[in-house]
Amino acid sequence: MPLIPEEPQIHESAQGPRAAMAAGHPAPSPRPVPGPRSASSPRPGRPMPGPARPGPPVQRQHTGAGQPASSGPENRSEQRSGPQIQLIPASFEGALDAAEEAVDLLLESGRAPGDILVLTTGEQHPWAAHELSFGDAAYWAQQDARDDVFFADAAAVERAVARPVVVVAVNGGADEATARALPVAAARATTLLIVCGDPQRMGAVLGTSV
């Protein structure tokens, strides 16, 4: 009996429609478009929120009335003759960091951000340089809003308005310019003046000018 060859089997294709695969593939999400800056945006140069940094070592404090030194920049007593003065030793390179540490301690102790003015005698704080790029008027309008710490060049201290606490970062500049700026900074501070700089250089300036 002759053999009948088996009919070849036709296998279904394992490849299904590609449209089914595409239907289950999520569409790529659109890239965010930069928008206007908000008041809650972090300031340039400031660290992002995170664990609290350890406080700096106890700083020496000089007071105009010979009162005992305080362990931090916050001192709630006021003097009729002028603000209390605290000197935090720092080099030119470390003065801005020391000023920011002082600001952090002030905020942690309950000071409102709008109570604090920070002046720099050398290079501007990164926040000030950033905000000035949007225009001089918009920059100084933030001082009038008084809703945050305000950073300014000590050379423009005449334009600064009074605040309870003024922090001066002596991060450069000539001693003569610093000596001219410190009395005005002291006049702008209604409660406390903090100067971050070289103790030997600042001792003579603070003793004769403030």
C-alpha atoms as a PDB file:
ATOM      1  CA  MET A   1       0.000   0.000   0.000  1.00  0.00           C
ATOM      2  CA  PRO A   2       1.572   3.243  -1.043  1.00  0.00           C
ATOM      3  CA  LEU A   3       2.324   5.746   1.675  1.00  0.00           C
ATOM      4  CA  ILE A   4       0.360   8.945   1.536  1.00  0.00           C
ATOM      5  CA  PRO A   5       2.560  11.845   2.514  1.00  0.00           C
ATOM      6  CA  GLU A   6       1.276  13.794   5.471  1.00  0.00           C
ATOM      7  CA  GLU A   7      -0.148  17.147   4.701  1.00  0.00           C
ATOM      8  CA  PRO A   8       2.116  19.870   5.918  1.00  0.00           C
ATOM      9  CA  GLN A   9       0.776  21.519   9.036  1.00  0.00           C
ATOM     10  CA  ILE A  10       0.247  25.249   8.871  1.00  0.00           C
ATOM     11  CA  HIS A  11       1.333  26.897  12.089  1.00  0.00           C
ATOM     12  CA  GLU A  12      -0.212  30.156  13.122  1.00  0.00           C
ATOM     13  CA  SER A  13       2.175  33.030  13.210  1.00  0.00           C
ATOM     14  CA  ALA A  14       3.464  33.768  16.729  1.00  0.00           C
ATOM     15  CA  GLN A  15       3.714  37.405  15.847  1.00  0.00           C
ATOM     16  CA  GLY A  16       0.533  39.242  16.722  1.00  0.00           C
ATOM     17  CA  PRO A  17      -0.550  42.688  15.700  1.00  0.00           C
ATOM     18  CA  ARG A  18       1.956  45.403  16.799  1.00  0.00           C
ATOM     19  CA  ALA A  19      -0.929  47.709  17.502  1.00  0.00           C
ATOM     20  CA  ALA A  20      -1.879  45.591  20.522  1.00  0.00           C
ATOM     21  CA  MET A  21       1.598  46.030  21.930  1.00  0.00           C
ATOM     22  CA  ALA A  22       1.554  49.743  21.243  1.00  0.00           C
ATOM     23  CA  ALA A  23      -1.807  50.080  22.922  1.00  0.00           C
ATOM     24  CA  GLY A  24      -0.392  48.756  26.175  1.00  0.00           C
ATOM     25  CA  HIS A  25       2.705  50.933  26.052  1.00  0.00           C
ATOM     26  CA  PRO A  26       2.243  54.128  28.065  1.00  0.00           C
ATOM     27  CA  ALA A  27       2.806  57.362  26.212  1.00  0.00           C
ATOM     28  CA  PRO A  28       5.868  59.324  27.349  1.00  0.00           C
ATOM     29  CA  SER A  29       4.983  62.046  29.851  1.00  0.00           C
ATOM     30  CA  PRO A  30       5.569  65.647  28.657  1.00  0.00           C
ATOM     31  CA  ARG A  31       8.646  67.454  29.992  1.00  0.00           C
ATOM     32  CA  PRO A  32       7.881  70.159  32.540  1.00  0.00           C
ATOM     33  CA  VAL A  33       8.014  73.692  31.269  1.00  0.00           C
ATOM     34  CA  PRO A  34       9.817  76.196  33.478  1.00  0.00           C
ATOM     35  CA  GLY A  35       7.408  78.653  35.015  1.00  0.00           C
ATOM     36  CA  PRO A  36       7.633  81.798  37.096  1.00  0.00           C
ATOM     37  CA  ARG A  37       9.593  81.710  40.321  1.00  0.00           C
ATOM     38  CA  SER A  38       7.540  81.220  43.472  1.00  0.00           C
ATOM     39  CA  ALA A  39       8.157  82.630  46.927  1.00  0.00           C
ATOM     40  CA  SER A  40       8.740  79.103  48.240  1.00  0.00           C
ATOM     41  CA  SER A  41      11.594  78.393  45.816  1.00  0.00           C
ATOM     42  CA  PRO A  42      14.908  77.844  47.617  1.00  0.00           C
ATOM     43  CA  ARG A  43      17.403  80.663  47.303  1.00  0.00           C
ATOM     44  CA  PRO A  44      20.449  79.977  45.148  1.00  0.00           C
ATOM     45  CA  GLY A  45      23.457  79.050  47.182  1.00  0.00           C
ATOM     46  CA  ARG A  46      21.385  77.826  50.111  1.00  0.00           C
ATOM     47  CA  PRO A  47      21.391  74.117  51.039  1.00  0.00           C
ATOM     48  CA  MET A  48      18.275  72.086  50.370  1.00  0.00           C
ATOM     49  CA  PRO A  49      16.157  71.161  53.411  1.00  0.00           C
ATOM     50  CA  GLY A  50      17.557  68.193  55.241  1.00  0.00           C
ATOM     51  CA  PRO A  51      18.820  67.069  58.631  1.00  0.00           C
ATOM     52  CA  ALA A  52      19.773  69.916  60.893  1.00  0.00           C
ATOM     53  CA  ARG A  53      23.441  70.738  60.766  1.00  0.00           C
ATOM     54  CA  PRO A  54      25.359  70.762  64.039  1.00  0.00           C
ATOM     55  CA  GLY A  55      25.740  74.239  65.445  1.00  0.00           C
ATOM     56  CA  PRO A  56      29.109  75.979  65.402  1.00  0.00           C
ATOM     57  CA  PRO A  57      31.215  76.107  68.558  1.00  0.00           C
ATOM     58  CA  VAL A  58      30.360  78.685  71.173  1.00  0.00           C
ATOM     59  CA  GLN A  59      31.276  82.092  69.864  1.00  0.00           C
ATOM     60  CA  ARG A  60      32.681  84.953  71.849  1.00  0.00           C
ATOM     61  CA  GLN A  61      30.378  87.932  72.104  1.00  0.00           C
ATOM     62  CA  HIS A  62      31.227  91.555  72.734  1.00  0.00           C
ATOM     63  CA  THR A  63      28.509  93.792  74.135  1.00  0.00           C
ATOM     64  CA  GLY A  64      28.662  97.526  74.293  1.00  0.00           C
ATOM     65  CA  ALA A  65      27.462  97.604  77.909  1.00  0.00           C
ATOM     66  CA  GLY A  66      29.832  94.919  79.219  1.00  0.00           C
ATOM     67  CA  GLN A  67      27.105  92.314  79.577  1.00  0.00           C
ATOM     68  CA  PRO A  68      27.920  88.575  79.738  1.00  0.00           C
ATOM     69  CA  ALA A  69      28.527  86.819  76.450  1.00  0.00           C
ATOM     70  CA  SER A  70      25.849  84.646  74.918  1.00  0.00           C
ATOM     71  CA  SER A  71      26.392  81.124  73.554  1.00  0.00           C
ATOM     72  CA  GLY A  72      24.722  81.989  70.249  1.00  0.00           C
ATOM     73  CA  PRO A  73      23.841  84.923  68.028  1.00  0.00           C
ATOM     74  CA  GLU A  74      20.381  85.301  69.551  1.00  0.00           C
ATOM     75  CA  ASN A  75      20.176  87.668  72.511  1.00  0.00           C
ATOM     76  CA  ARG A  76      16.789  89.037  73.441  1.00  0.00           C
ATOM     77  CA  SER A  77      17.856  91.956  75.614  1.00  0.00           C
ATOM     78  CA  GLU A  78      17.981  95.376  73.981  1.00  0.00           C
ATOM     79  CA  GLN A  79      20.153  98.328  74.841  1.00  0.00           C
ATOM     80  CA  ARG A  80      19.057 101.910  74.622  1.00  0.00           C
ATOM     81  CA  SER A  81      22.497 103.006  73.409  1.00  0.00           C
ATOM     82  CA  GLY A  82      22.372 100.721  70.364  1.00  0.00           C
ATOM     83  CA  PRO A  83      22.364  97.083  69.318  1.00  0.00           C
ATOM     84  CA  GLN A  84      24.440  94.429  70.969  1.00  0.00           C
ATOM     85  CA  ILE A  85      27.536  93.505  68.987  1.00  0.00           C
ATOM     86  CA  GLN A  86      28.762  89.971  68.436  1.00  0.00           C
ATOM     87  CA  LEU A  87      32.017  89.167  66.659  1.00  0.00           C
ATOM     88  CA  ILE A  88      32.352  85.704  65.098  1.00  0.00           C
ATOM     89  CA  PRO A  89      35.962  84.934  64.088  1.00  0.00           C
ATOM     90  CA  ALA A  90      36.228  84.045  60.402  1.00  0.00           C
ATOM     91  CA  SER A  91      38.615  84.460  57.500  1.00  0.00           C
ATOM     92  CA  PHE A  92      37.695  86.150  54.239  1.00  0.00           C
ATOM     93  CA  GLU A  93      36.990  82.734  52.745  1.00  0.00           C
ATOM     94  CA  GLY A  94      34.896  81.539  55.697  1.00  0.00           C
ATOM     95  CA  ALA A  95      33.023  84.730  56.563  1.00  0.00           C
ATOM     96  CA  LEU A  96      30.014  84.010  54.344  1.00  0.00           C
ATOM     97  CA  ASP A  97      29.661  80.482  55.701  1.00  0.00           C
ATOM     98  CA  ALA A  98      29.888  81.832  59.255  1.00  0.00           C
ATOM     99  CA  ALA A  99      27.178  84.391  58.454  1.00  0.00           C
ATOM    100  CA  GLU A 100      24.887  81.692  57.085  1.00  0.00           C
ATOM    101  CA  GLU A 101      25.487  79.578  60.199  1.00  0.00           C
ATOM    102  CA  ALA A 102      24.502  82.574  62.324  1.00  0.00           C
ATOM    103  CA  VAL A 103      21.347  83.054  60.251  1.00  0.00           C
ATOM    104  CA  ASP A 104      20.454  79.376  60.664  1.00  0.00           C
ATOM    105  CA  LEU A 105      20.814  79.656  64.452  1.00  0.00           C
ATOM    106  CA  LEU A 106      18.694  82.783  64.510  1.00  0.00           C
ATOM    107  CA  LEU A 107      15.921  81.094  62.537  1.00  0.00           C
ATOM    108  CA  GLU A 108      16.091  77.980  64.696  1.00  0.00           C
ATOM    109  CA  SER A 109      15.778  80.142  67.813  1.00  0.00           C
ATOM    110  CA  GLY A 110      12.535  81.652  66.533  1.00  0.00           C
ATOM    111  CA  ARG A 111      13.591  84.748  64.635  1.00  0.00           C
ATOM    112  CA  ALA A 112      11.391  85.562  61.657  1.00  0.00           C
ATOM    113  CA  PRO A 113      13.255  85.569  58.319  1.00  0.00           C
ATOM    114  CA  GLY A 114      12.083  89.129  57.678  1.00  0.00           C
ATOM    115  CA  ASP A 115      13.920  90.279  60.818  1.00  0.00           C
ATOM    116  CA  ILE A 116      17.363  89.551  59.341  1.00  0.00           C
ATOM    117  CA  LEU A 117      19.555  91.549  56.964  1.00  0.00           C
ATOM    118  CA  VAL A 118      22.873  90.100  55.732  1.00  0.00           C
ATOM    119  CA  LEU A 119      25.563  92.378  54.281  1.00  0.00           C
ATOM    120  CA  THR A 120      28.696  91.266  52.437  1.00  0.00           C
ATOM    121  CA  THR A 121      31.790  93.459  52.119  1.00  0.00           C
ATOM    122  CA  GLY A 122      33.346  91.449  49.278  1.00  0.00           C
ATOM    123  CA  GLU A 123      31.720  89.140  46.769  1.00  0.00           C
ATOM    124  CA  GLN A 124      27.934  89.256  46.833  1.00  0.00           C
ATOM    125  CA  HIS A 125      25.901  86.424  48.254  1.00  0.00           C
ATOM    126  CA  PRO A 126      24.746  84.079  45.437  1.00  0.00           C
ATOM    127  CA  TRP A 127      21.104  84.889  46.205  1.00  0.00           C
ATOM    128  CA  ALA A 128      21.676  88.624  45.779  1.00  0.00           C
ATOM    129  CA  ALA A 129      23.574  88.107  42.523  1.00  0.00           C
ATOM    130  CA  HIS A 130      20.774  85.891  41.215  1.00  0.00           C
ATOM    131  CA  GLU A 131      17.955  88.254  42.160  1.00  0.00           C
ATOM    132  CA  LEU A 132      19.756  91.286  40.735  1.00  0.00           C
ATOM    133  CA  SER A 133      19.732  89.552  37.365  1.00  0.00           C
ATOM    134  CA  PHE A 134      15.959  90.191  37.287  1.00  0.00           C
ATOM    135  CA  GLY A 135      16.436  93.933  37.720  1.00  0.00           C
ATOM    136  CA  ASP A 136      17.344  96.399  40.440  1.00  0.00           C
ATOM    137  CA  ALA A 137      13.748  97.419  41.176  1.00  0.00           C
ATOM    138  CA  ALA A 138      12.519  93.848  41.624  1.00  0.00           C
ATOM    139  CA  TYR A 139      15.500  93.062  43.848  1.00  0.00           C
ATOM    140  CA  TRP A 140      14.948  95.955  46.283  1.00  0.00           C
ATOM    141  CA  ALA A 141      11.190  95.349  46.292  1.00  0.00           C
ATOM    142  CA  GLN A 142      11.893  92.088  48.110  1.00  0.00           C
ATOM    143  CA  GLN A 143      13.485  94.074  50.926  1.00  0.00           C
ATOM    144  CA  ASP A 144      10.272  96.061  51.327  1.00  0.00           C
ATOM    145  CA  ALA A 145       8.211  92.854  51.341  1.00  0.00           C
ATOM    146  CA  ARG A 146      10.109  91.710  54.474  1.00  0.00           C
ATOM    147  CA  ASP A 147       9.043  88.094  54.023  1.00  0.00           C
ATOM    148  CA  ASP A 148      12.536  86.583  53.921  1.00  0.00           C
ATOM    149  CA  VAL A 149      16.166  87.123  54.855  1.00  0.00           C
ATOM    150  CA  PHE A 150      17.555  89.893  52.648  1.00  0.00           C
ATOM    151  CA  PHE A 151      21.130  89.842  51.330  1.00  0.00           C
ATOM    152  CA  ALA A 152      22.829  93.018  50.107  1.00  0.00           C
ATOM    153  CA  ASP A 153      26.221  94.483  49.303  1.00  0.00           C
ATOM    154  CA  ALA A 154      27.653  96.474  52.194  1.00  0.00           C
ATOM    155  CA  ALA A 155      28.451  99.237  49.692  1.00  0.00           C
ATOM    156  CA  ALA A 156      24.680  99.712  49.312  1.00  0.00           C
ATOM    157  CA  VAL A 157      23.962  99.691  53.057  1.00  0.00           C
ATOM    158  CA  GLU A 158      22.530 103.223  52.795  1.00  0.00           C
ATOM    159  CA  ARG A 159      19.600 101.748  50.849  1.00  0.00           C
ATOM    160  CA  ALA A 160      18.958  99.068  53.459  1.00  0.00           C
ATOM    161  CA  VAL A 161      16.093  99.579  55.884  1.00  0.00           C
ATOM    162  CA  ALA A 162      16.307  98.848  59.593  1.00  0.00           C
ATOM    163  CA  ARG A 163      15.806  95.296  60.791  1.00  0.00           C
ATOM    164  CA  PRO A 164      16.168  93.788  64.276  1.00  0.00           C
ATOM    165  CA  VAL A 165      19.268  91.780  63.309  1.00  0.00           C
ATOM    166  CA  VAL A 166      22.017  92.728  60.866  1.00  0.00           C
ATOM    167  CA  VAL A 167      24.733  90.195  59.993  1.00  0.00           C
ATOM    168  CA  VAL A 168      27.884  91.501  58.290  1.00  0.00           C
ATOM    169  CA  ALA A 169      30.101  88.987  56.460  1.00  0.00           C
ATOM    170  CA  VAL A 170      33.550  90.558  56.048  1.00  0.00           C
ATOM    171  CA  ASN A 171      34.443  88.381  53.046  1.00  0.00           C
ATOM    172  CA  GLY A 172      36.696  90.869  51.272  1.00  0.00           C
ATOM    173  CA  GLY A 173      37.044  94.515  50.440  1.00  0.00           C
ATOM    174  CA  ALA A 174      39.256  97.219  51.906  1.00  0.00           C
ATOM    175  CA  ASP A 175      39.351  97.898  55.641  1.00  0.00           C
ATOM    176  CA  GLU A 176      38.387 101.530  54.976  1.00  0.00           C
ATOM    177  CA  ALA A 177      35.205 100.499  53.170  1.00  0.00           C
ATOM    178  CA  THR A 178      34.349  98.077  55.950  1.00  0.00           C
ATOM    179  CA  ALA A 179      34.964 100.748  58.569  1.00  0.00           C
ATOM    180  CA  ARG A 180      32.558 103.071  56.752  1.00  0.00           C
ATOM    181  CA  ALA A 181      29.889 100.383  56.360  1.00  0.00           C
ATOM    182  CA  LEU A 182      29.874  99.077  59.938  1.00  0.00           C
ATOM    183  CA  PRO A 183      28.505 102.219  61.636  1.00  0.00           C
ATOM    184  CA  VAL A 184      25.648 102.336  59.113  1.00  0.00           C
ATOM    185  CA  ALA A 185      25.032  98.619  59.599  1.00  0.00           C
ATOM    186  CA  ALA A 186      24.897  99.195  63.360  1.00  0.00           C
ATOM    187  CA  ALA A 187      22.384 101.978  62.805  1.00  0.00           C
ATOM    188  CA  ARG A 188      20.205  99.589  60.773  1.00  0.00           C
ATOM    189  CA  ALA A 189      20.267  96.921  63.518  1.00  0.00           C
ATOM    190  CA  THR A 190      17.677  97.638  66.191  1.00  0.00           C
ATOM    191  CA  THR A 191      18.623  94.691  68.437  1.00  0.00           C
ATOM    192  CA  LEU A 192      21.725  92.781  67.377  1.00  0.00           C
ATOM    193  CA  LEU A 193      24.708  93.319  65.067  1.00  0.00           C
ATOM    194  CA  ILE A 194      26.757  90.236  64.173  1.00  0.00           C
ATOM    195  CA  VAL A 195      30.108  90.719  62.426  1.00  0.00           C
ATOM    196  CA  CYS A 196      31.823  87.684  60.893  1.00  0.00           C
ATOM    197  CA  GLY A 197      35.457  88.495  60.200  1.00  0.00           C
ATOM    198  CA  ASP A 198      39.063  88.407  61.300  1.00  0.00           C
ATOM    199  CA  PRO A 199      39.198  89.286  65.031  1.00  0.00           C
ATOM    200  CA  GLN A 200      42.447  91.246  64.784  1.00  0.00           C
ATOM    201  CA  ARG A 201      41.250  93.280  61.839  1.00  0.00           C
ATOM    202  CA  MET A 202      37.737  93.798  63.193  1.00  0.00           C
ATOM    203  CA  GLY A 203      38.780  94.568  66.753  1.00  0.00           C
ATOM    204  CA  ALA A 204      40.114  98.004  65.902  1.00  0.00           C
ATOM    205  CA  VAL A 205      37.250  98.734  63.517  1.00  0.00           C
ATOM    206  CA  LEU A 206      34.559  97.732  66.034  1.00  0.00           C
ATOM    207  CA  GLY A 207      36.281  99.598  68.865  1.00  0.00           C
ATOM    208  CA  THR A 208      36.538 102.912  67.041  1.00  0.00           C
ATOM    209  CA  SER A 209      33.646 102.874  64.595  1.00  0.00           C
ATOM    210  CA  VAL A 210      30.773 101.160  66.395  1.00  0.00           C
END
